[in-house]
PDB file of N, CA and C in Angstrom:
ATOM      1  N   MET A   1      77.766 147.413  56.545  1.00  0.00           N
ATOM      2  CA  MET A   1      78.108 146.674  57.709  1.00  0.00           C
ATOM      3  C   MET A   1      79.524 146.146  57.561  1.00  0.00           C
ATOM      4  N   ARG A   2      80.235 146.182  58.673  1.00  0.00           N
ATOM      5  CA  ARG A   2      81.630 145.795  58.631  1.00  0.00           C
ATOM      6  C   ARG A   2      81.796 144.384  59.194  1.00  0.00           C
ATOM      7  N   THR A   3      82.566 143.542  58.545  1.00  0.00           N
ATOM      8  CA  THR A   3      82.844 142.191  59.038  1.00  0.00           C
ATOM      9  C   THR A   3      84.134 142.237  59.849  1.00  0.00           C
ATOM     10  N   THR A   4      84.180 141.497  60.916  1.00  0.00           N
ATOM     11  CA  THR A   4      85.356 141.480  61.781  1.00  0.00           C
ATOM     12  C   THR A   4      86.029 140.123  61.682  1.00  0.00           C
ATOM     13  N   ASN A   5      86.690 139.868  60.622  1.00  0.00           N
ATOM     14  CA  ASN A   5      87.430 138.625  60.427  1.00  0.00           C
ATOM     15  C   ASN A   5      88.886 138.840  60.830  1.00  0.00           C
ATOM     16  N   THR A   6      89.088 139.011  62.075  1.00  0.00           N
ATOM     17  CA  THR A   6      90.457 139.169  62.538  1.00  0.00           C
ATOM     18  C   THR A   6      91.079 137.797  62.744  1.00  0.00           C
ATOM     19  N   THR A   7      92.325 137.790  63.012  1.00  0.00           N
ATOM     20  CA  THR A   7      93.050 136.533  63.227  1.00  0.00           C
ATOM     21  C   THR A   7      92.528 135.805  64.458  1.00  0.00           C
ATOM     22  N   ARG A   8      92.179 136.570  65.471  1.00  0.00           N
ATOM     23  CA  ARG A   8      91.703 135.958  66.711  1.00  0.00           C
ATOM     24  C   ARG A   8      90.364 135.265  66.498  1.00  0.00           C
ATOM     25  N   THR A   9      89.461 135.889  65.832  1.00  0.00           N
ATOM     26  CA  THR A   9      88.154 135.269  65.609  1.00  0.00           C
ATOM     27  C   THR A   9      88.275 134.059  64.704  1.00  0.00           C
ATOM     28  N   ARG A  10      89.171 134.098  63.735  1.00  0.00           N
ATOM     29  CA  ARG A  10      89.380 132.925  62.869  1.00  0.00           C
ATOM     30  C   ARG A  10      89.967 131.771  63.682  1.00  0.00           C
ATOM     31  N   THR A  11      90.898 132.063  64.581  1.00  0.00           N
ATOM     32  CA  THR A  11      91.501 131.022  65.404  1.00  0.00           C
ATOM     33  C   THR A  11      90.472 130.399  66.328  1.00  0.00           C
ATOM     34  N   ILE A  12      89.622 131.251  66.893  1.00  0.00           N
ATOM     35  CA  ILE A  12      88.566 130.728  67.766  1.00  0.00           C
ATOM     36  C   ILE A  12      87.597 129.876  66.974  1.00  0.00           C
ATOM     37  N   ALA A  13      87.231 130.296  65.803  1.00  0.00           N
ATOM     38  CA  ALA A  13      86.312 129.519  64.965  1.00  0.00           C
ATOM     39  C   ALA A  13      86.930 128.184  64.583  1.00  0.00           C
ATOM     40  N   MET A  14      88.220 128.186  64.252  1.00  0.00           N
ATOM     41  CA  MET A  14      88.881 126.923  63.894  1.00  0.00           C
ATOM     42  C   MET A  14      88.991 126.007  65.111  1.00  0.00           C
ATOM     43  N   ALA A  15      89.217 126.573  66.307  1.00  0.00           N
ATOM     44  CA  ALA A  15      89.293 125.762  67.521  1.00  0.00           C
ATOM     45  C   ALA A  15      87.937 125.121  67.815  1.00  0.00           C
ATOM     46  N   HIS A  16      86.854 125.875  67.643  1.00  0.00           N
ATOM     47  CA  HIS A  16      85.520 125.322  67.844  1.00  0.00           C
ATOM     48  C   HIS A  16      85.234 124.221  66.823  1.00  0.00           C
ATOM     49  N   ALA A  17      85.651 124.417  65.602  1.00  0.00           N
ATOM     50  CA  ALA A  17      85.440 123.404  64.570  1.00  0.00           C
ATOM     51  C   ALA A  17      86.231 122.134  64.902  1.00  0.00           C
ATOM     52  N   ALA A  18      87.471 122.308  65.356  1.00  0.00           N
ATOM     53  CA  ALA A  18      88.291 121.148  65.713  1.00  0.00           C
ATOM     54  C   ALA A  18      87.680 120.403  66.899  1.00  0.00           C
ATOM     55  N   LYS A  19      87.163 121.157  67.864  1.00  0.00           N
ATOM     56  CA  LYS A  19      86.527 120.540  69.021  1.00  0.00           C
ATOM     57  C   LYS A  19      85.287 119.766  68.600  1.00  0.00           C
ATOM     58  N   ASN A  20      84.494 120.344  67.706  1.00  0.00           N
ATOM     59  CA  ASN A  20      83.286 119.659  67.229  1.00  0.00           C
ATOM     60  C   ASN A  20      83.630 118.387  66.461  1.00  0.00           C
ATOM     61  N   VAL A  21      84.677 118.436  65.649  1.00  0.00           N
ATOM     62  CA  VAL A  21      85.098 117.244  64.899  1.00  0.00           C
ATOM     63  C   VAL A  21      85.578 116.168  65.858  1.00  0.00           C
ATOM     64  N   ALA A  22      86.374 116.561  66.881  1.00  0.00           N
ATOM     65  CA  ALA A  22      86.867 115.590  67.856  1.00  0.00           C
ATOM     66  C   ALA A  22      85.718 114.947  68.619  1.00  0.00           C
ATOM     67  N   LEU A  23      84.742 115.749  69.041  1.00  0.00           N
ATOM     68  CA  LEU A  23      83.589 115.187  69.733  1.00  0.00           C
ATOM     69  C   LEU A  23      82.769 114.284  68.824  1.00  0.00           C
ATOM     70  N   PHE A  24      82.670 114.650  67.561  1.00  0.00           N
ATOM     71  CA  PHE A  24      81.941 113.817  66.601  1.00  0.00           C
ATOM     72  C   PHE A  24      82.625 112.460  66.449  1.00  0.00           C
ATOM     73  N   LEU A  25      83.952 112.470  66.408  1.00  0.00           N
ATOM     74  CA  LEU A  25      84.680 111.211  66.243  1.00  0.00           C
ATOM     75  C   LEU A  25      84.701 110.382  67.524  1.00  0.00           C
ATOM     76  N   LEU A  26      84.687 111.029  68.685  1.00  0.00           N
ATOM     77  CA  LEU A  26      84.746 110.314  69.952  1.00  0.00           C
ATOM     78  C   LEU A  26      83.386 109.913  70.499  1.00  0.00           C
ATOM     79  N   ALA A  27      82.310 110.415  69.945  1.00  0.00           N
ATOM     80  CA  ALA A  27      80.966 110.155  70.464  1.00  0.00           C
ATOM     81  C   ALA A  27      80.631 108.664  70.551  1.00  0.00           C
ATOM     82  N   PRO A  28      80.945 107.835  69.560  1.00  0.00           N
ATOM     83  CA  PRO A  28      80.623 106.410  69.713  1.00  0.00           C
ATOM     84  C   PRO A  28      81.368 105.758  70.876  1.00  0.00           C
ATOM     85  N   PHE A  29      82.601 106.161  71.108  1.00  0.00           N
ATOM     86  CA  PHE A  29      83.374 105.565  72.193  1.00  0.00           C
ATOM     87  C   PHE A  29      82.868 106.035  73.558  1.00  0.00           C
ATOM     88  N   ILE A  30      82.462 107.269  73.647  1.00  0.00           N
ATOM     89  CA  ILE A  30      81.883 107.780  74.890  1.00  0.00           C
ATOM     90  C   ILE A  30      80.573 107.043  75.180  1.00  0.00           C
ATOM     91  N   GLY A  31      79.776 106.833  74.155  1.00  0.00           N
ATOM     92  CA  GLY A  31      78.539 106.073  74.320  1.00  0.00           C
ATOM     93  C   GLY A  31      78.807 104.636  74.726  1.00  0.00           C
ATOM     94  N   LEU A  32      79.863 104.040  74.191  1.00  0.00           N
ATOM     95  CA  LEU A  32      80.226 102.672  74.558  1.00  0.00           C
ATOM     96  C   LEU A  32      80.634 102.592  76.021  1.00  0.00           C
ATOM     97  N   VAL A  33      81.384 103.576  76.484  1.00  0.00           N
ATOM     98  CA  VAL A  33      81.779 103.603  77.897  1.00  0.00           C
ATOM     99  C   VAL A  33      80.540 103.712  78.787  1.00  0.00           C
ATOM    100  N   TYR A  34      79.606 104.566  78.403  1.00  0.00           N
ATOM    101  CA  TYR A  34      78.365 104.685  79.171  1.00  0.00           C
ATOM    102  C   TYR A  34      77.605 103.364  79.172  1.00  0.00           C
ATOM    103  N   ALA A  35      77.531 102.701  78.038  1.00  0.00           N
ATOM    104  CA  ALA A  35      76.783 101.444  77.955  1.00  0.00           C
ATOM    105  C   ALA A  35      77.454 100.348  78.772  1.00  0.00           C
ATOM    106  N   VAL A  36      78.773 100.327  78.797  1.00  0.00           N
ATOM    107  CA  VAL A  36      79.485  99.296  79.557  1.00  0.00           C
ATOM    108  C   VAL A  36      79.366  99.550  81.056  1.00  0.00           C
ATOM    109  N   LEU A  37      79.438 100.806  81.477  1.00  0.00           N
ATOM    110  CA  LEU A  37      79.396 101.130  82.901  1.00  0.00           C
ATOM    111  C   LEU A  37      77.992 101.173  83.473  1.00  0.00           C
ATOM    112  N   LEU A  38      76.970 101.198  82.650  1.00  0.00           N
ATOM    113  CA  LEU A  38      75.597 101.312  83.138  1.00  0.00           C
ATOM    114  C   LEU A  38      75.195 100.195  84.102  1.00  0.00           C
ATOM    115  N   PRO A  39      75.493  98.917  83.833  1.00  0.00           N
ATOM    116  CA  PRO A  39      75.117  97.883  84.819  1.00  0.00           C
ATOM    117  C   PRO A  39      75.796  98.071  86.172  1.00  0.00           C
ATOM    118  N   PHE A  40      77.061  98.491  86.163  1.00  0.00           N
ATOM    119  CA  PHE A  40      77.775  98.688  87.423  1.00  0.00           C
ATOM    120  C   PHE A  40      77.193  99.859  88.215  1.00  0.00           C
ATOM    121  N   VAL A  41      76.829 100.901  87.533  1.00  0.00           N
ATOM    122  CA  VAL A  41      76.197 102.042  88.195  1.00  0.00           C
ATOM    123  C   VAL A  41      74.840 101.625  88.768  1.00  0.00           C
ATOM    124  N   GLY A  42      74.099 100.825  88.015  1.00  0.00           N
ATOM    125  CA  GLY A  42      72.800 100.344  88.504  1.00  0.00           C
ATOM    126  C   GLY A  42      72.943  99.463  89.729  1.00  0.00           C
ATOM    127  N   ILE A  43      73.930  98.563  89.729  1.00  0.00           N
ATOM    128  CA  ILE A  43      74.160  97.699  90.892  1.00  0.00           C
ATOM    129  C   ILE A  43      74.588  98.532  92.088  1.00  0.00           C
ATOM    130  N   ALA A  44      75.451  99.517  91.871  1.00  0.00           N
ATOM    131  CA  ALA A  44      75.902 100.382  92.967  1.00  0.00           C
ATOM    132  C   ALA A  44      74.724 101.156  93.556  1.00  0.00           C
ATOM    133  N   MET A  45      73.849 101.659  92.704  1.00  0.00           N
ATOM    134  CA  MET A  45      72.676 102.386  93.204  1.00  0.00           C
ATOM    135  C   MET A  45      71.748 101.446  93.975  1.00  0.00           C
ATOM    136  N   LEU A  46      71.585 100.224  93.487  1.00  0.00           N
ATOM    137  CA  LEU A  46      70.745  99.246  94.176  1.00  0.00           C
ATOM    138  C   LEU A  46      71.324  98.912  95.551  1.00  0.00           C
ATOM    139  N   LEU A  47      72.647  98.710  95.627  1.00  0.00           N
ATOM    140  CA  LEU A  47      73.282  98.420  96.912  1.00  0.00           C
ATOM    141  C   LEU A  47      73.195  99.609  97.859  1.00  0.00           C
ATOM    142  N   TRP A  48      73.355 100.808  97.338  1.00  0.00           N
ATOM    143  CA  TRP A  48      73.259 102.008  98.167  1.00  0.00           C
ATOM    144  C   TRP A  48      71.848 102.144  98.753  1.00  0.00           C
ATOM    145  N   THR A  49      70.840 101.923  97.929  1.00  0.00           N
ATOM    146  CA  THR A  49      69.457 102.011  98.396  1.00  0.00           C
ATOM    147  C   THR A  49      69.160 100.917  99.418  1.00  0.00           C
ATOM    148  N   ALA A  50      69.668  99.717  99.174  1.00  0.00           N
ATOM    149  CA  ALA A  50      69.458  98.621 100.124  1.00  0.00           C
ATOM    150  C   ALA A  50      70.152  98.901 101.446  1.00  0.00           C
ATOM    151  N   ALA A  51      71.353  99.461 101.409  1.00  0.00           N
ATOM    152  CA  ALA A  51      72.066  99.784 102.649  1.00  0.00           C
ATOM    153  C   ALA A  51      71.328 100.864 103.440  1.00  0.00           C
ATOM    154  N   LYS A  52      70.792 101.860 102.745  1.00  0.00           N
ATOM    155  CA  LYS A  52      70.021 102.897 103.434  1.00  0.00           C
ATOM    156  C   LYS A  52      68.770 102.295 104.067  1.00  0.00           C
ATOM    157  N   ALA A  53      68.112 101.371 103.368  1.00  0.00           N
ATOM    158  CA  ALA A  53      66.910 100.742 103.911  1.00  0.00           C
ATOM    159  C   ALA A  53      67.252  99.863 105.110  1.00  0.00           C
ATOM    160  N   LEU A  54      68.375  99.146 105.043  1.00  0.00           N
ATOM    161  CA  LEU A  54      68.791  98.315 106.171  1.00  0.00           C
ATOM    162  C   LEU A  54      69.140  99.172 107.383  1.00  0.00           C
ATOM    163  N   ALA A  55      69.814 100.281 107.149  1.00  0.00           N
ATOM    164  CA  ALA A  55      70.162 101.168 108.257  1.00  0.00           C
ATOM    165  C   ALA A  55      68.911 101.765 108.890  1.00  0.00           C
ATOM    166  N   ALA A  56      67.930 102.076 108.087  1.00  0.00           N
ATOM    167  CA  ALA A  56      66.697 102.662 108.612  1.00  0.00           C
ATOM    168  C   ALA A  56      65.885 101.644 109.397  1.00  0.00           C
ATOM    169  N   SER A  57      65.935 100.365 109.010  1.00  0.00           N
ATOM    170  CA  SER A  57      65.133  99.350 109.685  1.00  0.00           C
ATOM    171  C   SER A  57      65.826  98.762 110.904  1.00  0.00           C
ATOM    172  N   GLY A  58      67.123  99.019 111.083  1.00  0.00           N
ATOM    173  CA  GLY A  58      67.843  98.479 112.234  1.00  0.00           C
ATOM    174  C   GLY A  58      68.378  97.080 112.010  1.00  0.00           C
ATOM    175  N   ALA A  59      68.230  96.549 110.839  1.00  0.00           N
ATOM    176  CA  ALA A  59      68.712  95.204 110.541  1.00  0.00           C
ATOM    177  C   ALA A  59      70.161  95.204 110.085  1.00  0.00           C
ATOM    178  N   LEU A  60      70.800  96.348 110.144  1.00  0.00           N
ATOM    179  CA  LEU A  60      72.181  96.453 109.667  1.00  0.00           C
ATOM    180  C   LEU A  60      73.125  95.626 110.530  1.00  0.00           C
ATOM    181  N   GLY A  61      72.900  95.583 111.835  1.00  0.00           N
ATOM    182  CA  GLY A  61      73.755  94.800 112.728  1.00  0.00           C
ATOM    183  C   GLY A  61      73.684  93.316 112.418  1.00  0.00           C
ATOM    184  N   ARG A  62      72.483  92.806 112.229  1.00  0.00           N
ATOM    185  CA  ARG A  62      72.330  91.388 111.890  1.00  0.00           C
ATOM    186  C   ARG A  62      72.938  91.089 110.530  1.00  0.00           C
ATOM    187  N   THR A  63      72.784  92.007 109.597  1.00  0.00           N
ATOM    188  CA  THR A  63      73.310  91.795 108.255  1.00  0.00           C
ATOM    189  C   THR A  63      74.837  91.795 108.264  1.00  0.00           C
ATOM    190  N   THR A  64      75.444  92.731 108.988  1.00  0.00           N
ATOM    191  CA  THR A  64      76.904  92.755 109.041  1.00  0.00           C
ATOM    192  C   THR A  64      77.445  91.515 109.739  1.00  0.00           C
ATOM    193  N   HIS A  65      76.764  91.031 110.779  1.00  0.00           N
ATOM    194  CA  HIS A  65      77.179  89.795 111.449  1.00  0.00           C
ATOM    195  C   HIS A  65      77.099  88.617 110.486  1.00  0.00           C
ATOM    196  N   PHE A  66      76.026  88.548 109.726  1.00  0.00           N
ATOM    197  CA  PHE A  66      75.878  87.471 108.746  1.00  0.00           C
ATOM    198  C   PHE A  66      76.950  87.538 107.670  1.00  0.00           C
ATOM    199  N   LEU A  67      77.223  88.755 107.173  1.00  0.00           N
ATOM    200  CA  LEU A  67      78.238  88.894 106.129  1.00  0.00           C
ATOM    201  C   LEU A  67      79.635  88.561 106.647  1.00  0.00           C
ATOM    202  N   LYS A  68      79.919  88.902 107.906  1.00  0.00           N
ATOM    203  CA  LYS A  68      81.202  88.546 108.497  1.00  0.00           C
ATOM    204  C   LYS A  68      81.335  87.030 108.606  1.00  0.00           C
ATOM    205  N   ALA A  69      80.286  86.370 109.067  1.00  0.00           N
ATOM    206  CA  ALA A  69      80.308  84.913 109.179  1.00  0.00           C
ATOM    207  C   ALA A  69      80.465  84.274 107.805  1.00  0.00           C
ATOM    208  N   LEU A  70      79.822  84.841 106.814  1.00  0.00           N
ATOM    209  CA  LEU A  70      79.939  84.319 105.456  1.00  0.00           C
ATOM    210  C   LEU A  70      81.355  84.499 104.916  1.00  0.00           C
ATOM    211  N   ALA A  71      81.962  85.638 105.193  1.00  0.00           N
ATOM    212  CA  ALA A  71      83.335  85.885 104.739  1.00  0.00           C
ATOM    213  C   ALA A  71      84.311  84.926 105.401  1.00  0.00           C
ATOM    214  N   VAL A  72      84.129  84.681 106.697  1.00  0.00           N
ATOM    215  CA  VAL A  72      85.002  83.733 107.399  1.00  0.00           C
ATOM    216  C   VAL A  72      84.802  82.335 106.848  1.00  0.00           C
ATOM    217  N   LEU A  73      83.567  81.973 106.564  1.00  0.00           N
ATOM    218  CA  LEU A  73      83.280  80.656 105.998  1.00  0.00           C
ATOM    219  C   LEU A  73      83.941  80.483 104.633  1.00  0.00           C
ATOM    220  N   LEU A  74      83.904  81.523 103.828  1.00  0.00           N
ATOM    221  CA  LEU A  74      84.516  81.433 102.506  1.00  0.00           C
ATOM    222  C   LEU A  74      86.045  81.479 102.564  1.00  0.00           C
ATOM    223  N   ALA A  75      86.603  82.156 103.570  1.00  0.00           N
ATOM    224  CA  ALA A  75      88.053  82.297 103.671  1.00  0.00           C
ATOM    225  C   ALA A  75      88.703  81.113 104.385  1.00  0.00           C
ATOM    226  N   ALA A  76      87.959  80.355 105.163  1.00  0.00           N
ATOM    227  CA  ALA A  76      88.527  79.284 105.978  1.00  0.00           C
ATOM    228  C   ALA A  76      89.325  78.252 105.170  1.00  0.00           C
ATOM    229  N   PRO A  77      88.851  77.761 104.028  1.00  0.00           N
ATOM    230  CA  PRO A  77      89.663  76.787 103.289  1.00  0.00           C
ATOM    231  C   PRO A  77      91.008  77.355 102.826  1.00  0.00           C
ATOM    232  N   PHE A  78      91.031  78.615 102.458  1.00  0.00           N
ATOM    233  CA  PHE A  78      92.286  79.224 101.999  1.00  0.00           C
ATOM    234  C   PHE A  78      93.252  79.443 103.158  1.00  0.00           C
ATOM    235  N   ILE A  79      92.718  79.818 104.313  1.00  0.00           N
ATOM    236  CA  ILE A  79      93.560  79.965 105.497  1.00  0.00           C
ATOM    237  C   ILE A  79      94.131  78.608 105.903  1.00  0.00           C
ATOM    238  N   GLY A  80      93.311  77.576 105.851  1.00  0.00           N
ATOM    239  CA  GLY A  80      93.792  76.223 106.142  1.00  0.00           C
ATOM    240  C   GLY A  80      94.855  75.776 105.163  1.00  0.00           C
ATOM    241  N   LEU A  81      94.683  76.119 103.909  1.00  0.00           N
ATOM    242  CA  LEU A  81      95.677  75.762 102.902  1.00  0.00           C
ATOM    243  C   LEU A  81      97.011  76.456 103.177  1.00  0.00           C
ATOM    244  N   VAL A  82      96.960  77.692 103.602  1.00  0.00           N
ATOM    245  CA  VAL A  82      98.196  78.407 103.945  1.00  0.00           C
ATOM    246  C   VAL A  82      98.879  77.734 105.125  1.00  0.00           C
ATOM    247  N   TYR A  83      98.102  77.334 106.126  1.00  0.00           N
ATOM    248  CA  TYR A  83      98.684  76.631 107.263  1.00  0.00           C
ATOM    249  C   TYR A  83      99.320  75.314 106.829  1.00  0.00           C
ATOM    250  N   VAL A  84      98.620  74.529 106.043  1.00  0.00           N
ATOM    251  CA  VAL A  84      99.147  73.227 105.611  1.00  0.00           C
ATOM    252  C   VAL A  84     100.411  73.403 104.785  1.00  0.00           C
ATOM    253  N   LEU A  85     100.444  74.427 103.929  1.00  0.00           N
ATOM    254  CA  LEU A  85     101.629  74.645 103.110  1.00  0.00           C
ATOM    255  C   LEU A  85     102.801  75.187 103.924  1.00  0.00           C
ATOM    256  N   SER A  86     102.534  75.900 105.005  1.00  0.00           N
ATOM    257  CA  SER A  86     103.627  76.484 105.784  1.00  0.00           C
ATOM    258  C   SER A  86     104.140  75.551 106.878  1.00  0.00           C
ATOM    259  N   PHE A  87     103.404  74.520 107.257  1.00  0.00           N
ATOM    260  CA  PHE A  87     103.843  73.630 108.336  1.00  0.00           C
ATOM    261  C   PHE A  87     105.200  72.977 108.074  1.00  0.00           C
ATOM    262  N   PRO A  88     105.503  72.462 106.892  1.00  0.00           N
ATOM    263  CA  PRO A  88     106.843  71.877 106.693  1.00  0.00           C
ATOM    264  C   PRO A  88     107.965  72.893 106.906  1.00  0.00           C
ATOM    265  N   PHE A  89     107.765  74.115 106.449  1.00  0.00           N
ATOM    266  CA  PHE A  89     108.803  75.132 106.618  1.00  0.00           C
ATOM    267  C   PHE A  89     108.957  75.523 108.089  1.00  0.00           C
ATOM    268  N   VAL A  90     107.853  75.594 108.803  1.00  0.00           N
ATOM    269  CA  VAL A  90     107.913  75.895 110.234  1.00  0.00           C
ATOM    270  C   VAL A  90     108.615  74.769 110.975  1.00  0.00           C
ATOM    271  N   GLY A  91     108.321  73.530 110.625  1.00  0.00           N
ATOM    272  CA  GLY A  91     108.981  72.384 111.252  1.00  0.00           C
ATOM    273  C   GLY A  91     110.480  72.369 110.994  1.00  0.00           C
ATOM    274  N   ILE A  92     110.872  72.641 109.761  1.00  0.00           N
ATOM    275  CA  ILE A  92     112.295  72.686 109.420  1.00  0.00           C
ATOM    276  C   ILE A  92     112.973  73.821 110.179  1.00  0.00           C
ATOM    277  N   ALA A  93     112.321  74.959 110.278  1.00  0.00           N
ATOM    278  CA  ALA A  93     112.895  76.083 111.021  1.00  0.00           C
ATOM    279  C   ALA A  93     113.055  75.730 112.494  1.00  0.00           C
ATOM    280  N   MET A  94     112.092  75.018 113.076  1.00  0.00           N
ATOM    281  CA  MET A  94     112.214  74.609 114.476  1.00  0.00           C
ATOM    282  C   MET A  94     113.367  73.630 114.669  1.00  0.00           C
ATOM    283  N   LEU A  95     113.504  72.692 113.735  1.00  0.00           N
ATOM    284  CA  LEU A  95     114.623  71.750 113.833  1.00  0.00           C
ATOM    285  C   LEU A  95     115.956  72.472 113.721  1.00  0.00           C
ATOM    286  N   LEU A  96     116.064  73.397 112.780  1.00  0.00           N
ATOM    287  CA  LEU A  96     117.305  74.151 112.635  1.00  0.00           C
ATOM    288  C   LEU A  96     117.582  74.997 113.878  1.00  0.00           C
ATOM    289  N   TRP A  97     116.550  75.594 114.466  1.00  0.00           N
ATOM    290  CA  TRP A  97     116.724  76.393 115.684  1.00  0.00           C
ATOM    291  C   TRP A  97     117.276  75.509 116.808  1.00  0.00           C
ATOM    292  N   SER A  98     116.684  74.320 116.959  1.00  0.00           N
ATOM    293  CA  SER A  98     117.152  73.412 118.002  1.00  0.00           C
ATOM    294  C   SER A  98     118.583  72.960 117.743  1.00  0.00           C
ATOM    295  N   ALA A  99     118.908  72.688 116.472  1.00  0.00           N
ATOM    296  CA  ALA A  99     120.267  72.249 116.133  1.00  0.00           C
ATOM    297  C   ALA A  99     121.270  73.358 116.406  1.00  0.00           C
ATOM    298  N   VAL A 100     120.954  74.570 116.003  1.00  0.00           N
ATOM    299  CA  VAL A 100     121.860  75.695 116.254  1.00  0.00           C
ATOM    300  C   VAL A 100     121.971  75.950 117.747  1.00  0.00           C
ATOM    301  N   ASP A 101     120.890  75.814 118.476  1.00  0.00           N
ATOM    302  CA  ASP A 101     120.894  76.004 119.923  1.00  0.00           C
ATOM    303  C   ASP A 101     121.799  74.967 120.584  1.00  0.00           C
ATOM    304  N   ALA A 102     121.667  73.708 120.195  1.00  0.00           N
ATOM    305  CA  ALA A 102     122.502  72.649 120.772  1.00  0.00           C
ATOM    306  C   ALA A 102     123.963  72.826 120.379  1.00  0.00           C
ATOM    307  N   LEU A 103     124.223  73.207 119.130  1.00  0.00           N
ATOM    308  CA  LEU A 103     125.598  73.415 118.686  1.00  0.00           C
ATOM    309  C   LEU A 103     126.240  74.597 119.411  1.00  0.00           C
ATOM    310  N   ALA A 104     125.481  75.654 119.615  1.00  0.00           N
ATOM    311  CA  ALA A 104     126.011  76.812 120.341  1.00  0.00           C
ATOM    312  C   ALA A 104     126.302  76.442 121.786  1.00  0.00           C
ATOM    313  N   ALA A 105     125.440  75.620 122.386  1.00  0.00           N
ATOM    314  CA  ALA A 105     125.678  75.188 123.762  1.00  0.00           C
ATOM    315  C   ALA A 105     126.907  74.297 123.843  1.00  0.00           C
ATOM    316  N   LYS A 106     127.072  73.420 122.885  1.00  0.00           N
ATOM    317  CA  LYS A 106     128.227  72.517 122.881  1.00  0.00           C
ATOM    318  C   LYS A 106     129.518  73.298 122.681  1.00  0.00           C
ATOM    319  N   LEU A 107     129.517  74.278 121.759  1.00  0.00           N
ATOM    320  CA  LEU A 107     130.711  75.084 121.515  1.00  0.00           C
ATOM    321  C   LEU A 107     131.027  75.995 122.700  1.00  0.00           C
ATOM    322  N   ALA A 108     130.016  76.438 123.408  1.00  0.00           N
ATOM    323  CA  ALA A 108     130.233  77.301 124.559  1.00  0.00           C
ATOM    324  C   ALA A 108     130.602  76.502 125.801  1.00  0.00           C
ATOM    325  N   GLY A 109     130.413  75.202 125.761  1.00  0.00           N
ATOM    326  CA  GLY A 109     130.744  74.363 126.894  1.00  0.00           C
ATOM    327  C   GLY A 109     129.739  74.436 128.014  1.00  0.00           C
ATOM    328  N   VAL A 110     128.498  74.750 127.691  1.00  0.00           N
ATOM    329  CA  VAL A 110     127.457  74.800 128.713  1.00  0.00           C
ATOM    330  C   VAL A 110     126.474  73.669 128.489  1.00  0.00           C
ATOM    331  N   GLU A 111     125.747  73.360 129.548  1.00  0.00           N
ATOM    332  CA  GLU A 111     124.776  72.283 129.461  1.00  0.00           C
ATOM    333  C   GLU A 111     123.386  72.888 129.281  1.00  0.00           C
ATOM    334  N   VAL A 112     122.659  72.405 128.290  1.00  0.00           N
ATOM    335  CA  VAL A 112     121.316  72.903 128.050  1.00  0.00           C
ATOM    336  C   VAL A 112     120.392  72.243 129.059  1.00  0.00           C
ATOM    337  N   TRP A 113     119.717  73.037 129.880  1.00  0.00           N
ATOM    338  CA  TRP A 113     118.893  72.475 130.949  1.00  0.00           C
ATOM    339  C   TRP A 113     117.485  72.170 130.504  1.00  0.00           C
ATOM    340  N   ASN A 114     117.023  72.752 129.371  1.00  0.00           N
ATOM    341  CA  ASN A 114     115.687  72.437 128.876  1.00  0.00           C
ATOM    342  C   ASN A 114     115.751  72.448 127.361  1.00  0.00           C
ATOM    343  N   ALA A 115     115.637  71.296 126.760  1.00  0.00           N
ATOM    344  CA  ALA A 115     115.801  71.188 125.313  1.00  0.00           C
ATOM    345  C   ALA A 115     114.581  71.691 124.544  1.00  0.00           C
ATOM    346  N   LEU A 116     113.470  71.881 125.202  1.00  0.00           N
ATOM    347  CA  LEU A 116     112.251  72.275 124.507  1.00  0.00           C
ATOM    348  C   LEU A 116     111.955  73.767 124.613  1.00  0.00           C
ATOM    349  N   THR A 117     112.896  74.562 125.019  1.00  0.00           N
ATOM    350  CA  THR A 117     112.665  76.004 125.105  1.00  0.00           C
ATOM    351  C   THR A 117     112.787  76.637 123.736  1.00  0.00           C
ATOM    352  N   VAL A 118     112.135  77.751 123.567  1.00  0.00           N
ATOM    353  CA  VAL A 118     112.165  78.449 122.293  1.00  0.00           C
ATOM    354  C   VAL A 118     113.364  79.381 122.228  1.00  0.00           C
ATOM    355  N   GLY A 119     113.692  80.014 123.331  1.00  0.00           N
ATOM    356  CA  GLY A 119     114.804  80.953 123.344  1.00  0.00           C
ATOM    357  C   GLY A 119     116.072  80.313 123.885  1.00  0.00           C
ATOM    358  N   PRO A 120     117.184  80.995 123.770  1.00  0.00           N
ATOM    359  CA  PRO A 120     118.448  80.431 124.274  1.00  0.00           C
ATOM    360  C   PRO A 120     118.531  80.596 125.790  1.00  0.00           C
ATOM    361  N   ARG A 121     118.336  79.486 126.510  1.00  0.00           N
ATOM    362  CA  ARG A 121     118.444  79.477 127.977  1.00  0.00           C
ATOM    363  C   ARG A 121     119.524  78.469 128.336  1.00  0.00           C
ATOM    364  N   TYR A 122     120.686  78.964 128.670  1.00  0.00           N
ATOM    365  CA  TYR A 122     121.816  78.090 128.977  1.00  0.00           C
ATOM    366  C   TYR A 122     122.098  78.126 130.460  1.00  0.00           C
ATOM    367  N   GLN A 123     122.702  77.035 130.902  1.00  0.00           N
ATOM    368  CA  GLN A 123     123.090  76.922 132.293  1.00  0.00           C
ATOM    369  C   GLN A 123     124.601  76.757 132.319  1.00  0.00           C
ATOM    370  N   ALA A 124     125.266  77.495 133.141  1.00  0.00           N
ATOM    371  CA  ALA A 124     126.727  77.417 133.192  1.00  0.00           C
ATOM    372  C   ALA A 124     127.142  76.034 133.698  1.00  0.00           C
ATOM    373  N   ALA A 125     128.190  75.478 133.100  1.00  0.00           N
ATOM    374  CA  ALA A 125     128.656  74.128 133.476  1.00  0.00           C
ATOM    375  C   ALA A 125     129.498  74.161 134.720  1.00  0.00           C
TER     376      ALA A 125
END
């Protein structure tokens, strides 16, 4: 019987051996990734099954309305905080707008007919 130990078969055998060694060394880390991701996969499957059951029962509309109301309730304090923090800057910007508006009217020699307007509305003198 003739043995076929050519260069190609030796290279393939060494590649398989290297692959087996790499998998042997990486196996604990692959198992760790599976163990860490298992709870998230379980929660995702539970949510998917619950969503399918809600869609089948017709309660999906009520559930989405409830979740929207809950999201707005949870977001409201943060939206209010953004408003409270931005009010001083908005007030300063309004004062500067009015000052620039009055200064432009004075330099142009026109009389401002309405001081509470937002845009530049001048009346010829």
